[in-house]
C-alpha atoms as a PDB file:
ATOM      1  CA  MET A   1      13.554  -1.866  21.250  1.00  0.00           C
ATOM      2  CA  GLU A   2      16.660  -3.949  21.841  1.00  0.00           C
ATOM      3  CA  SER A   3      17.978  -5.883  18.852  1.00  0.00           C
ATOM      4  CA  ARG A   4      20.040  -9.055  18.974  1.00  0.00           C
ATOM      5  CA  SER A   5      21.030 -11.759  16.488  1.00  0.00           C
ATOM      6  CA  LEU A   6      18.664 -14.495  17.546  1.00  0.00           C
ATOM      7  CA  VAL A   7      17.166 -17.377  15.621  1.00  0.00           C
ATOM      8  CA  PRO A   8      14.111 -18.946  17.296  1.00  0.00           C
ATOM      9  CA  SER A   9      13.506 -22.589  16.545  1.00  0.00           C
ATOM     10  CA  ASN A  10      10.938 -22.908  13.779  1.00  0.00           C
ATOM     11  CA  PRO A  11      11.156 -25.830  11.379  1.00  0.00           C
ATOM     12  CA  GLY A  12       8.717 -24.206   8.983  1.00  0.00           C
ATOM     13  CA  LEU A  13      11.034 -21.354   7.984  1.00  0.00           C
ATOM     14  CA  LYS A  14      14.713 -21.095   7.098  1.00  0.00           C
ATOM     15  CA  LEU A  15      16.687 -18.753   9.340  1.00  0.00           C
ATOM     16  CA  PRO A  16      14.225 -16.061  10.390  1.00  0.00           C
ATOM     17  CA  ILE A  17      15.734 -12.873  11.776  1.00  0.00           C
ATOM     18  CA  ALA A  18      14.679 -12.146  15.343  1.00  0.00           C
ATOM     19  CA  ASN A  19      14.814  -8.934  17.273  1.00  0.00           C
ATOM     20  CA  VAL A  20      13.455  -8.818  20.783  1.00  0.00           C
ATOM     21  CA  ARG A  21      10.761  -6.456  21.962  1.00  0.00           C
ATOM     22  CA  SER A  22       9.274  -5.705  25.374  1.00  0.00           C
ATOM     23  CA  ILE A  23       5.508  -6.050  25.338  1.00  0.00           C
ATOM     24  CA  PHE A  24       4.873  -4.610  28.824  1.00  0.00           C
ATOM     25  CA  ARG A  25       6.677  -2.816  31.631  1.00  0.00           C
ATOM     26  CA  PRO A  26       7.417  -5.076  34.634  1.00  0.00           C
ATOM     27  CA  HIS A  27       7.231  -2.063  36.939  1.00  0.00           C
ATOM     28  CA  ASP A  28       3.543  -1.643  36.034  1.00  0.00           C
ATOM     29  CA  VAL A  29       2.889  -5.267  36.948  1.00  0.00           C
ATOM     30  CA  GLU A  30       4.809  -5.041  40.213  1.00  0.00           C
ATOM     31  CA  ARG A  31       2.870  -1.927  41.188  1.00  0.00           C
ATOM     32  CA  LYS A  32      -0.485  -3.565  40.468  1.00  0.00           C
ATOM     33  CA  LEU A  33       0.551  -6.710  42.349  1.00  0.00           C
ATOM     34  CA  ALA A  34       1.628  -4.723  45.417  1.00  0.00           C
ATOM     35  CA  LYS A  35      -1.780  -3.006  45.595  1.00  0.00           C
ATOM     36  CA  LEU A  36      -3.783  -6.243  45.658  1.00  0.00           C
ATOM     37  CA  PRO A  37      -5.368  -7.178  49.014  1.00  0.00           C
ATOM     38  CA  PRO A  38      -3.489 -10.124  50.567  1.00  0.00           C
ATOM     39  CA  ARG A  39      -6.469 -12.515  50.501  1.00  0.00           C
ATOM     40  CA  ASP A  40      -8.402 -11.486  47.450  1.00  0.00           C
ATOM     41  CA  HIS A  41      -8.251 -11.529  43.641  1.00  0.00           C
ATOM     42  CA  GLU A  42      -6.351 -14.813  43.450  1.00  0.00           C
ATOM     43  CA  SER A  43      -6.831 -15.131  39.694  1.00  0.00           C
ATOM     44  CA  LEU A  44      -5.541 -11.626  39.103  1.00  0.00           C
ATOM     45  CA  ARG A  45      -2.607 -12.247  41.446  1.00  0.00           C
ATOM     46  CA  ALA A  46      -1.727 -15.422  39.559  1.00  0.00           C
ATOM     47  CA  THR A  47      -1.884 -13.494  36.267  1.00  0.00           C
ATOM     48  CA  TYR A  48       0.548 -10.825  37.499  1.00  0.00           C
ATOM     49  CA  GLU A  49       2.913 -13.450  38.906  1.00  0.00           C
ATOM     50  CA  ARG A  50       2.824 -15.317  35.591  1.00  0.00           C
ATOM     51  CA  MET A  51       3.647 -12.114  33.719  1.00  0.00           C
ATOM     52  CA  LEU A  52       6.660 -11.462  35.936  1.00  0.00           C
ATOM     53  CA  GLU A  53       7.800 -15.065  35.658  1.00  0.00           C
ATOM     54  CA  LEU A  54       7.577 -15.064  31.862  1.00  0.00           C
ATOM     55  CA  GLY A  55       9.084 -11.577  31.583  1.00  0.00           C
ATOM     56  CA  PRO A  56       8.269  -8.883  29.031  1.00  0.00           C
ATOM     57  CA  VAL A  57      10.636  -9.837  26.197  1.00  0.00           C
ATOM     58  CA  ARG A  58       9.322 -11.633  23.124  1.00  0.00           C
ATOM     59  CA  PHE A  59      10.771 -12.503  19.751  1.00  0.00           C
ATOM     60  CA  GLN A  60       9.884 -10.148  16.930  1.00  0.00           C
ATOM     61  CA  VAL A  61      10.616 -12.225  13.869  1.00  0.00           C
ATOM     62  CA  LYS A  62      10.638 -11.720  10.148  1.00  0.00           C
ATOM     63  CA  PRO A  63      11.959 -13.767   7.219  1.00  0.00           C
ATOM     64  CA  SER A  64      15.668 -13.273   6.585  1.00  0.00           C
ATOM     65  CA  GLY A  65      14.884 -12.353   2.970  1.00  0.00           C
ATOM     66  CA  VAL A  66      11.934 -12.206   0.645  1.00  0.00           C
ATOM     67  CA  PRO A  67      10.892 -15.851   0.905  1.00  0.00           C
ATOM     68  CA  GLU A  68      10.373 -18.181  -1.998  1.00  0.00           C
ATOM     69  CA  MET A  69       6.594 -18.251  -2.249  1.00  0.00           C
ATOM     70  CA  ALA A  70       6.031 -20.230  -5.444  1.00  0.00           C
ATOM     71  CA  ALA A  71       4.734 -23.219  -3.484  1.00  0.00           C
ATOM     72  CA  LEU A  72       2.222 -21.022  -1.652  1.00  0.00           C
ATOM     73  CA  TYR A  73       0.969 -19.505  -4.892  1.00  0.00           C
ATOM     74  CA  GLU A  74       0.546 -23.060  -6.174  1.00  0.00           C
ATOM     75  CA  GLN A  75      -1.232 -24.290  -3.037  1.00  0.00           C
ATOM     76  CA  LEU A  76      -3.433 -21.203  -2.710  1.00  0.00           C
ATOM     77  CA  PRO A  77      -3.985 -20.032  -6.296  1.00  0.00           C
ATOM     78  CA  ASN A  78      -7.070 -17.955  -5.472  1.00  0.00           C
ATOM     79  CA  PHE A  79      -5.169 -15.989  -2.791  1.00  0.00           C
ATOM     80  CA  SER A  80      -2.561 -14.500  -5.123  1.00  0.00           C
ATOM     81  CA  ALA A  81      -3.544 -10.859  -4.446  1.00  0.00           C
ATOM     82  CA  ALA A  82      -3.238 -11.342  -0.671  1.00  0.00           C
ATOM     83  CA  LEU A  83       0.090 -13.150  -1.121  1.00  0.00           C
ATOM     84  CA  ASP A  84       1.339 -10.282  -3.308  1.00  0.00           C
ATOM     85  CA  ASP A  85       0.518  -7.861  -0.485  1.00  0.00           C
ATOM     86  CA  VAL A  86       2.431  -9.922   2.080  1.00  0.00           C
ATOM     87  CA  LYS A  87       5.422 -10.143  -0.251  1.00  0.00           C
ATOM     88  CA  ARG A  88       5.489  -6.339  -0.593  1.00  0.00           C
ATOM     89  CA  HIS A  89       5.506  -5.863   3.186  1.00  0.00           C
ATOM     90  CA  VAL A  90       8.281  -8.434   3.644  1.00  0.00           C
ATOM     91  CA  ALA A  91      10.368  -6.708   0.955  1.00  0.00           C
ATOM     92  CA  LEU A  92      10.022  -3.353   2.755  1.00  0.00           C
ATOM     93  CA  ALA A  93      11.300  -4.826   6.016  1.00  0.00           C
ATOM     94  CA  GLN A  94      14.495  -6.213   4.482  1.00  0.00           C
ATOM     95  CA  ASP A  95      17.938  -4.630   4.890  1.00  0.00           C
ATOM     96  CA  SER A  96      16.840  -2.633   7.926  1.00  0.00           C
ATOM     97  CA  GLY A  97      16.213  -3.025  11.603  1.00  0.00           C
ATOM     98  CA  ASP A  98      12.521  -2.357  11.116  1.00  0.00           C
ATOM     99  CA  GLY A  99      10.045  -4.965  12.177  1.00  0.00           C
ATOM    100  CA  LEU A 100       7.651  -6.551   9.726  1.00  0.00           C
ATOM    101  CA  GLU A 101       4.516  -4.421   9.473  1.00  0.00           C
ATOM    102  CA  VAL A 102       1.587  -5.926   7.570  1.00  0.00           C
ATOM    103  CA  THR A 103      -1.538  -3.842   7.054  1.00  0.00           C
ATOM    104  CA  PRO A 104      -4.502  -5.648   8.650  1.00  0.00           C
ATOM    105  CA  MET A 105      -6.302  -7.627   5.988  1.00  0.00           C
ATOM    106  CA  LEU A 106      -9.805  -8.898   5.424  1.00  0.00           C
ATOM    107  CA  LEU A 107     -10.248 -12.071   3.388  1.00  0.00           C
ATOM    108  CA  LEU A 108     -13.749 -11.822   1.990  1.00  0.00           C
ATOM    109  CA  GLY A 109     -15.345 -14.778   0.281  1.00  0.00           C
ATOM    110  CA  PRO A 110     -17.676 -17.788   0.510  1.00  0.00           C
ATOM    111  CA  PRO A 111     -17.222 -20.361   3.291  1.00  0.00           C
ATOM    112  CA  GLY A 112     -14.893 -23.292   2.854  1.00  0.00           C
ATOM    113  CA  ILE A 113     -12.468 -21.775   0.337  1.00  0.00           C
ATOM    114  CA  GLY A 114      -9.433 -21.907   2.636  1.00  0.00           C
ATOM    115  CA  LYS A 115      -9.304 -18.495   4.337  1.00  0.00           C
ATOM    116  CA  THR A 116      -8.183 -19.887   7.709  1.00  0.00           C
ATOM    117  CA  HIS A 117      -5.851 -22.304   5.931  1.00  0.00           C
ATOM    118  CA  PHE A 118      -4.217 -19.280   4.264  1.00  0.00           C
ATOM    119  CA  ALA A 119      -3.681 -17.646   7.669  1.00  0.00           C
ATOM    120  CA  ARG A 120      -1.907 -20.722   9.017  1.00  0.00           C
ATOM    121  CA  HIS A 121       0.394 -20.797   6.005  1.00  0.00           C
ATOM    122  CA  LEU A 122       1.116 -17.094   6.489  1.00  0.00           C
ATOM    123  CA  ALA A 123       2.099 -17.633  10.129  1.00  0.00           C
ATOM    124  CA  GLU A 124       4.480 -20.395   9.037  1.00  0.00           C
ATOM    125  CA  LEU A 125       5.908 -18.215   6.271  1.00  0.00           C
ATOM    126  CA  LEU A 126       6.605 -15.319   8.631  1.00  0.00           C
ATOM    127  CA  GLY A 127       8.048 -17.549  11.341  1.00  0.00           C
ATOM    128  CA  THR A 128       5.595 -16.480  14.045  1.00  0.00           C
ATOM    129  CA  GLY A 129       2.709 -18.040  15.933  1.00  0.00           C
ATOM    130  CA  MET A 130      -1.005 -17.935  15.169  1.00  0.00           C
ATOM    131  CA  SER A 131      -4.051 -17.481  17.393  1.00  0.00           C
ATOM    132  CA  LEU A 132      -7.580 -18.097  16.137  1.00  0.00           C
ATOM    133  CA  VAL A 133     -10.521 -16.090  17.484  1.00  0.00           C
ATOM    134  CA  PRO A 134     -13.822 -17.552  16.175  1.00  0.00           C
ATOM    135  CA  MET A 135     -16.293 -14.680  16.201  1.00  0.00           C
ATOM    136  CA  SER A 136     -19.299 -16.856  15.368  1.00  0.00           C
ATOM    137  CA  SER A 137     -19.203 -18.214  18.931  1.00  0.00           C
ATOM    138  CA  MET A 138     -18.376 -14.885  20.533  1.00  0.00           C
ATOM    139  CA  THR A 139     -21.135 -13.517  22.763  1.00  0.00           C
ATOM    140  CA  ALA A 140     -19.375 -10.747  24.682  1.00  0.00           C
ATOM    141  CA  GLY A 141     -17.017  -7.941  23.869  1.00  0.00           C
ATOM    142  CA  TRP A 142     -14.446  -9.106  26.378  1.00  0.00           C
ATOM    143  CA  LEU A 143     -13.219 -12.140  24.431  1.00  0.00           C
ATOM    144  CA  LEU A 144     -10.587 -10.029  22.666  1.00  0.00           C
ATOM    145  CA  SER A 145      -9.916  -7.450  25.360  1.00  0.00           C
ATOM    146  CA  GLY A 146     -10.577  -9.375  28.585  1.00  0.00           C
ATOM    147  CA  ALA A 147     -13.255  -8.847  31.228  1.00  0.00           C
ATOM    148  CA  SER A 148     -12.947  -6.712  34.346  1.00  0.00           C
ATOM    149  CA  SER A 149     -11.562  -8.657  37.299  1.00  0.00           C
ATOM    150  CA  GLN A 150     -14.617  -7.528  39.256  1.00  0.00           C
ATOM    151  CA  TRP A 151     -16.712 -10.038  37.319  1.00  0.00           C
ATOM    152  CA  LYS A 152     -16.930 -13.640  38.475  1.00  0.00           C
ATOM    153  CA  GLY A 153     -14.993 -15.956  36.190  1.00  0.00           C
ATOM    154  CA  ALA A 154     -13.271 -13.059  34.432  1.00  0.00           C
ATOM    155  CA  LYS A 155      -9.998 -13.651  32.626  1.00  0.00           C
ATOM    156  CA  PRO A 156      -7.663 -11.954  30.161  1.00  0.00           C
ATOM    157  CA  GLY A 157      -8.606 -11.684  26.503  1.00  0.00           C
ATOM    158  CA  LYS A 158      -7.200 -13.391  23.433  1.00  0.00           C
ATOM    159  CA  VAL A 159      -4.766 -10.572  22.642  1.00  0.00           C
ATOM    160  CA  PHE A 160      -3.267 -10.829  26.128  1.00  0.00           C
ATOM    161  CA  GLU A 161      -2.991 -14.612  25.802  1.00  0.00           C
ATOM    162  CA  ALA A 162      -1.300 -14.404  22.396  1.00  0.00           C
ATOM    163  CA  LEU A 163       1.295 -11.872  23.573  1.00  0.00           C
ATOM    164  CA  VAL A 164       1.932 -12.807  27.214  1.00  0.00           C
ATOM    165  CA  ASP A 165       1.597 -16.577  26.979  1.00  0.00           C
ATOM    166  CA  GLY A 166       3.114 -16.781  23.493  1.00  0.00           C
ATOM    167  CA  GLN A 167       6.697 -16.442  22.270  1.00  0.00           C
ATOM    168  CA  TYR A 168       6.230 -13.603  19.795  1.00  0.00           C
ATOM    169  CA  ALA A 169       5.631  -9.862  19.837  1.00  0.00           C
ATOM    170  CA  ASN A 170       4.183 -10.126  16.320  1.00  0.00           C
ATOM    171  CA  PRO A 171       1.877 -13.155  16.256  1.00  0.00           C
ATOM    172  CA  VAL A 172      -0.701 -13.652  13.558  1.00  0.00           C
ATOM    173  CA  ILE A 173      -4.162 -13.253  15.107  1.00  0.00           C
ATOM    174  CA  VAL A 174      -7.019 -14.472  12.942  1.00  0.00           C
ATOM    175  CA  VAL A 175     -10.441 -13.048  13.704  1.00  0.00           C
ATOM    176  CA  ASP A 176     -12.518 -15.683  11.968  1.00  0.00           C
ATOM    177  CA  GLU A 177     -15.966 -14.854  10.547  1.00  0.00           C
ATOM    178  CA  ILE A 178     -15.919 -11.298  11.825  1.00  0.00           C
ATOM    179  CA  ASP A 179     -19.244 -10.686  10.100  1.00  0.00           C
ATOM    180  CA  LYS A 180     -20.934 -13.139  12.499  1.00  0.00           C
ATOM    181  CA  ALA A 181     -20.012 -11.260  15.677  1.00  0.00           C
ATOM    182  CA  SER A 182     -23.130 -10.590  17.685  1.00  0.00           C
ATOM    183  CA  ALA A 183     -23.446  -7.298  19.533  1.00  0.00           C
ATOM    184  CA  ASP A 184     -25.967  -5.960  21.988  1.00  0.00           C
ATOM    185  CA  ALA A 185     -26.481  -2.625  23.724  1.00  0.00           C
ATOM    186  CA  GLN A 186     -24.038  -3.444  26.513  1.00  0.00           C
ATOM    187  CA  TYR A 187     -21.173  -5.233  24.764  1.00  0.00           C
ATOM    188  CA  ASP A 188     -19.613  -4.680  21.365  1.00  0.00           C
ATOM    189  CA  PRO A 189     -17.498  -7.713  20.395  1.00  0.00           C
ATOM    190  CA  LEU A 190     -15.619  -5.584  17.875  1.00  0.00           C
ATOM    191  CA  GLY A 191     -15.119  -2.560  20.125  1.00  0.00           C
ATOM    192  CA  SER A 192     -11.498  -3.287  21.007  1.00  0.00           C
ATOM    193  CA  LEU A 193     -10.557  -3.587  17.333  1.00  0.00           C
ATOM    194  CA  TYR A 194     -10.968   0.153  16.809  1.00  0.00           C
ATOM    195  CA  SER A 195      -7.764   0.730  18.802  1.00  0.00           C
ATOM    196  CA  LEU A 196      -6.038  -2.585  18.063  1.00  0.00           C
ATOM    197  CA  LEU A 197      -6.082  -1.986  14.312  1.00  0.00           C
ATOM    198  CA  GLU A 198      -4.445   1.441  14.667  1.00  0.00           C
ATOM    199  CA  HIS A 199      -0.676   1.190  15.084  1.00  0.00           C
ATOM    200  CA  ASP A 200      -0.310   4.159  17.450  1.00  0.00           C
ATOM    201  CA  THR A 201      -3.103   3.217  19.848  1.00  0.00           C
ATOM    202  CA  ALA A 202      -2.216  -0.487  19.753  1.00  0.00           C
ATOM    203  CA  GLU A 203       1.155   0.346  21.338  1.00  0.00           C
ATOM    204  CA  SER A 204      -0.606   0.784  24.672  1.00  0.00           C
ATOM    205  CA  PHE A 205      -3.512  -1.649  24.438  1.00  0.00           C
ATOM    206  CA  MET A 206      -5.178  -2.148  27.805  1.00  0.00           C
ATOM    207  CA  ASP A 207      -6.486  -5.598  28.660  1.00  0.00           C
ATOM    208  CA  GLU A 208      -9.502  -5.014  30.900  1.00  0.00           C
ATOM    209  CA  PHE A 209      -8.717  -7.928  33.212  1.00  0.00           C
ATOM    210  CA  ALA A 210      -5.037  -7.255  33.894  1.00  0.00           C
ATOM    211  CA  GLU A 211      -5.284  -3.474  33.393  1.00  0.00           C
ATOM    212  CA  ILE A 212      -1.692  -3.503  32.154  1.00  0.00           C
ATOM    213  CA  ALA A 213      -0.711  -1.697  28.948  1.00  0.00           C
ATOM    214  CA  LEU A 214       0.501  -4.138  26.295  1.00  0.00           C
ATOM    215  CA  ASP A 215       2.351  -3.357  23.086  1.00  0.00           C
ATOM    216  CA  ALA A 216       0.075  -4.969  20.495  1.00  0.00           C
ATOM    217  CA  SER A 217       1.320  -2.746  17.673  1.00  0.00           C
ATOM    218  CA  GLN A 218       3.231  -5.574  15.981  1.00  0.00           C
ATOM    219  CA  VAL A 219       0.353  -8.040  15.818  1.00  0.00           C
ATOM    220  CA  ILE A 220      -0.434  -9.201  12.274  1.00  0.00           C
ATOM    221  CA  TRP A 221      -4.212  -9.149  11.888  1.00  0.00           C
ATOM    222  CA  ILE A 222      -6.180 -11.292   9.459  1.00  0.00           C
ATOM    223  CA  MET A 223      -9.971 -11.083   9.402  1.00  0.00           C
ATOM    224  CA  THR A 224     -12.176 -13.477   7.487  1.00  0.00           C
ATOM    225  CA  ALA A 225     -15.772 -12.860   6.451  1.00  0.00           C
ATOM    226  CA  ASN A 226     -18.423 -14.167   4.099  1.00  0.00           C
ATOM    227  CA  ASP A 227     -20.268 -10.840   3.856  1.00  0.00           C
ATOM    228  CA  ASP A 228     -18.847  -7.369   4.523  1.00  0.00           C
ATOM    229  CA  ARG A 229     -22.253  -5.715   4.957  1.00  0.00           C
ATOM    230  CA  CYS A 230     -22.300  -6.678   8.652  1.00  0.00           C
ATOM    231  CA  ILE A 231     -18.874  -5.165   9.373  1.00  0.00           C
ATOM    232  CA  PRO A 232     -18.850  -1.581  10.696  1.00  0.00           C
ATOM    233  CA  GLU A 233     -17.459   0.904   8.204  1.00  0.00           C
ATOM    234  CA  PRO A 234     -14.798   2.279  10.618  1.00  0.00           C
ATOM    235  CA  ILE A 235     -13.329  -1.229  10.884  1.00  0.00           C
ATOM    236  CA  LEU A 236     -13.488  -1.837   7.137  1.00  0.00           C
ATOM    237  CA  ASN A 237     -11.585   1.421   6.656  1.00  0.00           C
ATOM    238  CA  ARG A 238      -8.718   0.022   8.733  1.00  0.00           C
ATOM    239  CA  LEU A 239      -8.360  -3.102   6.581  1.00  0.00           C
ATOM    240  CA  ASN A 240      -6.974  -4.072   3.204  1.00  0.00           C
ATOM    241  CA  VAL A 241      -9.910  -5.992   1.731  1.00  0.00           C
ATOM    242  CA  PHE A 242      -9.202  -8.949  -0.574  1.00  0.00           C
ATOM    243  CA  GLU A 243     -12.160 -10.582  -2.273  1.00  0.00           C
ATOM    244  CA  ILE A 244     -11.326 -14.275  -2.519  1.00  0.00           C
ATOM    245  CA  ASP A 245     -13.147 -16.126  -5.264  1.00  0.00           C
ATOM    246  CA  ALA A 246     -13.947 -19.796  -5.164  1.00  0.00           C
ATOM    247  CA  PRO A 247     -11.258 -21.647  -7.123  1.00  0.00           C
ATOM    248  CA  SER A 248     -11.826 -22.373 -10.785  1.00  0.00           C
ATOM    249  CA  PRO A 249     -12.083 -26.075 -11.738  1.00  0.00           C
ATOM    250  CA  GLU A 250      -8.409 -26.071 -12.769  1.00  0.00           C
ATOM    251  CA  GLN A 251      -7.360 -24.360  -9.534  1.00  0.00           C
ATOM    252  CA  ALA A 252      -9.478 -26.792  -7.494  1.00  0.00           C
ATOM    253  CA  ARG A 253      -7.688 -29.737  -9.138  1.00  0.00           C
ATOM    254  CA  ALA A 254      -4.329 -28.151  -8.341  1.00  0.00           C
ATOM    255  CA  ILE A 255      -5.356 -27.615  -4.717  1.00  0.00           C
ATOM    256  CA  ALA A 256      -6.473 -31.242  -4.428  1.00  0.00           C
ATOM    257  CA  LEU A 257      -3.210 -32.487  -5.944  1.00  0.00           C
ATOM    258  CA  ASN A 258      -1.135 -30.375  -3.557  1.00  0.00           C
ATOM    259  CA  LEU A 259      -3.162 -31.602  -0.577  1.00  0.00           C
ATOM    260  CA  TYR A 260      -2.646 -35.216  -1.669  1.00  0.00           C
ATOM    261  CA  ARG A 261       1.104 -34.685  -1.977  1.00  0.00           C
ATOM    262  CA  GLY A 262       1.250 -32.844   1.333  1.00  0.00           C
ATOM    263  CA  ILE A 263      -0.644 -35.495   3.294  1.00  0.00           C
ATOM    264  CA  ARG A 264       1.422 -38.261   1.710  1.00  0.00           C
ATOM    265  CA  ALA A 265       4.682 -36.492   2.627  1.00  0.00           C
ATOM    266  CA  GLU A 266       3.592 -35.703   6.193  1.00  0.00           C
ATOM    267  CA  HIS A 267       2.966 -39.327   7.200  1.00  0.00           C
ATOM    268  CA  GLY A 268       5.180 -42.376   7.344  1.00  0.00           C
ATOM    269  CA  TRP A 269       2.425 -44.451   5.784  1.00  0.00           C
ATOM    270  CA  GLY A 270       2.431 -42.113   2.787  1.00  0.00           C
ATOM    271  CA  ARG A 271       5.188 -44.092   1.093  1.00  0.00           C
ATOM    272  CA  ARG A 272       2.724 -46.952   0.633  1.00  0.00           C
ATOM    273  CA  PHE A 273       0.736 -44.845  -1.820  1.00  0.00           C
ATOM    274  CA  ASP A 274       1.283 -43.644  -5.375  1.00  0.00           C
ATOM    275  CA  GLU A 275       2.997 -40.277  -5.754  1.00  0.00           C
ATOM    276  CA  GLU A 276      -0.084 -38.802  -7.420  1.00  0.00           C
ATOM    277  CA  PRO A 277      -3.757 -39.764  -7.464  1.00  0.00           C
ATOM    278  CA  ALA A 278      -5.627 -40.877 -10.562  1.00  0.00           C
ATOM    279  CA  ASP A 279      -7.359 -38.275 -12.735  1.00  0.00           C
ATOM    280  CA  ASP A 280     -10.856 -39.465 -11.824  1.00  0.00           C
ATOM    281  CA  VAL A 281     -10.031 -39.080  -8.115  1.00  0.00           C
ATOM    282  CA  LEU A 282      -8.788 -35.532  -8.715  1.00  0.00           C
ATOM    283  CA  ASP A 283     -11.924 -34.744 -10.706  1.00  0.00           C
ATOM    284  CA  LEU A 284     -14.122 -35.816  -7.798  1.00  0.00           C
ATOM    285  CA  LEU A 285     -12.032 -33.986  -5.187  1.00  0.00           C
ATOM    286  CA  ALA A 286     -12.173 -30.816  -7.293  1.00  0.00           C
ATOM    287  CA  GLU A 287     -15.922 -30.706  -6.720  1.00  0.00           C
ATOM    288  CA  LEU A 288     -15.387 -30.220  -2.982  1.00  0.00           C
ATOM    289  CA  ALA A 289     -14.673 -27.065  -1.061  1.00  0.00           C
ATOM    290  CA  PRO A 290     -10.962 -26.934  -0.113  1.00  0.00           C
ATOM    291  CA  ARG A 291     -11.786 -27.445   3.574  1.00  0.00           C
ATOM    292  CA  GLU A 292     -13.577 -30.702   2.666  1.00  0.00           C
ATOM    293  CA  MET A 293     -10.767 -32.041   0.485  1.00  0.00           C
ATOM    294  CA  ARG A 294      -8.457 -33.007   3.357  1.00  0.00           C
ATOM    295  CA  ARG A 295     -11.160 -34.972   5.157  1.00  0.00           C
ATOM    296  CA  ALA A 296     -12.119 -36.721   1.952  1.00  0.00           C
ATOM    297  CA  LEU A 297      -8.496 -37.609   1.235  1.00  0.00           C
ATOM    298  CA  MET A 298      -7.909 -38.974   4.741  1.00  0.00           C
ATOM    299  CA  THR A 299     -11.008 -41.167   4.312  1.00  0.00           C
ATOM    300  CA  GLY A 300      -9.726 -42.250   0.925  1.00  0.00           C
ATOM    301  CA  PHE A 301      -6.267 -43.147   2.208  1.00  0.00           C
ATOM    302  CA  GLY A 302      -7.802 -45.153   5.050  1.00  0.00           C
ATOM    303  CA  ASN A 303     -10.213 -47.071   2.816  1.00  0.00           C
ATOM    304  CA  ALA A 304      -7.478 -47.834   0.290  1.00  0.00           C
ATOM    305  CA  ARG A 305      -5.227 -49.153   3.055  1.00  0.00           C
ATOM    306  CA  LEU A 306      -8.004 -51.397   4.380  1.00  0.00           C
ATOM    307  CA  ALA A 307      -8.305 -52.778   0.864  1.00  0.00           C
ATOM    308  CA  ASN A 308      -4.501 -53.307   0.728  1.00  0.00           C
ATOM    309  CA  ARG A 309      -4.153 -50.936  -2.213  1.00  0.00           C
ATOM    310  CA  GLY A 310      -1.492 -48.333  -2.823  1.00  0.00           C
ATOM    311  CA  ALA A 311      -3.784 -46.059  -4.794  1.00  0.00           C
ATOM    312  CA  ILE A 312      -6.952 -44.259  -3.803  1.00  0.00           C
ATOM    313  CA  ALA A 313      -9.932 -45.209  -5.971  1.00  0.00           C
ATOM    314  CA  VAL A 314     -13.076 -43.161  -6.482  1.00  0.00           C
ATOM    315  CA  GLU A 315     -15.038 -45.597  -4.336  1.00  0.00           C
ATOM    316  CA  ASP A 316     -12.661 -44.941  -1.430  1.00  0.00           C
ATOM    317  CA  LEU A 317     -13.760 -41.321  -1.183  1.00  0.00           C
ATOM    318  CA  PRO A 318     -16.860 -40.353   0.796  1.00  0.00           C
ATOM    319  CA  LYS A 319     -19.951 -39.724  -1.259  1.00  0.00           C
ATOM    320  CA  LEU A 320     -20.567 -36.088  -2.047  1.00  0.00           C
ATOM    321  CA  GLY A 321     -23.095 -34.752   0.428  1.00  0.00           C
ATOM    322  CA  GLY A 322     -25.116 -32.820  -2.111  1.00  0.00           C
ATOM    323  CA  ALA A 323     -25.180 -29.045  -2.101  1.00  0.00           C
ATOM    324  CA  LYS A 324     -23.739 -28.771   1.389  1.00  0.00           C
ATOM    325  CA  THR A 325     -20.319 -29.968   0.276  1.00  0.00           C
ATOM    326  CA  ARG A 326     -20.168 -28.309  -3.119  1.00  0.00           C
ATOM    327  CA  ILE A 327     -19.038 -24.840  -4.016  1.00  0.00           C
ATOM    328  CA  GLY A 328     -19.570 -22.784  -7.105  1.00  0.00           C
ATOM    329  CA  PHE A 329     -16.719 -22.374  -9.525  1.00  0.00           C
ATOM    330  CA  VAL A 330     -15.440 -19.294 -11.246  1.00  0.00           C
ATOM    331  CA  GLN A 331     -16.219 -19.621 -14.942  1.00  0.00           C
END
């Protein structure tokens, strides 16, 4: 791997260190392209030409030091164990030319508690991109690894897209709701993960559409699940499993307050509103799952603005939708 002093543009992180890494061998692509019949396999031809145009070199980034993570611990208080693990991996990669290697992790917990939100924050923290693979809608094993070009409508898989079409050799790939992957006798949606989650075999991952070996060994994997009983044991054995509890009432209030501050700071209209919401508004927001809080706050901001007020009132928030919008709290 060739190393250079590069700093990719990323406003979410201060001065990440970037090496560069080749994710495929152009000679392999040129050889495959030369063997294609002149008037056939147009999609495959276009894929090879795109690979050669983009080239094999991608940024391999890592924070320039162990980042200040206090804000993340505050925003995601029920993810402290997972954040501790990331911090350890970042610390190991400092003061050396080594890339950042994070053991694949499984975030296990009830729906709506912010597992995907955590993954996005992690991608921002590490200075790399993020790709989301929703397994609940996945019906064939080729979504991750690509489908053979012999099939009509075939195309490369999500790993290929993240590496070849992206900027980074070490993107965060989130396999969301891995426990909801459906498998049948012909296709195993999780089959490609057996090699992708092993560092040595991931170095020469073969996308079934392009049939070009890709270096996927630097990918940072995050799986989310509500129930680990549906996940094959060999995959569980490749993961660091973190059981994420629903936030306590105090943690839920803190999450709601941080979301309010974040939304207010992100928008020009935010200056029209009070710096913090009233206690009764926080109490009501704390009864929602974290994924519902943002939508409720955006509704609240909009209703308050229509009423020409600079503070969200309880009546500005949407009515709680009964059990569907509530989560249990840790006592």
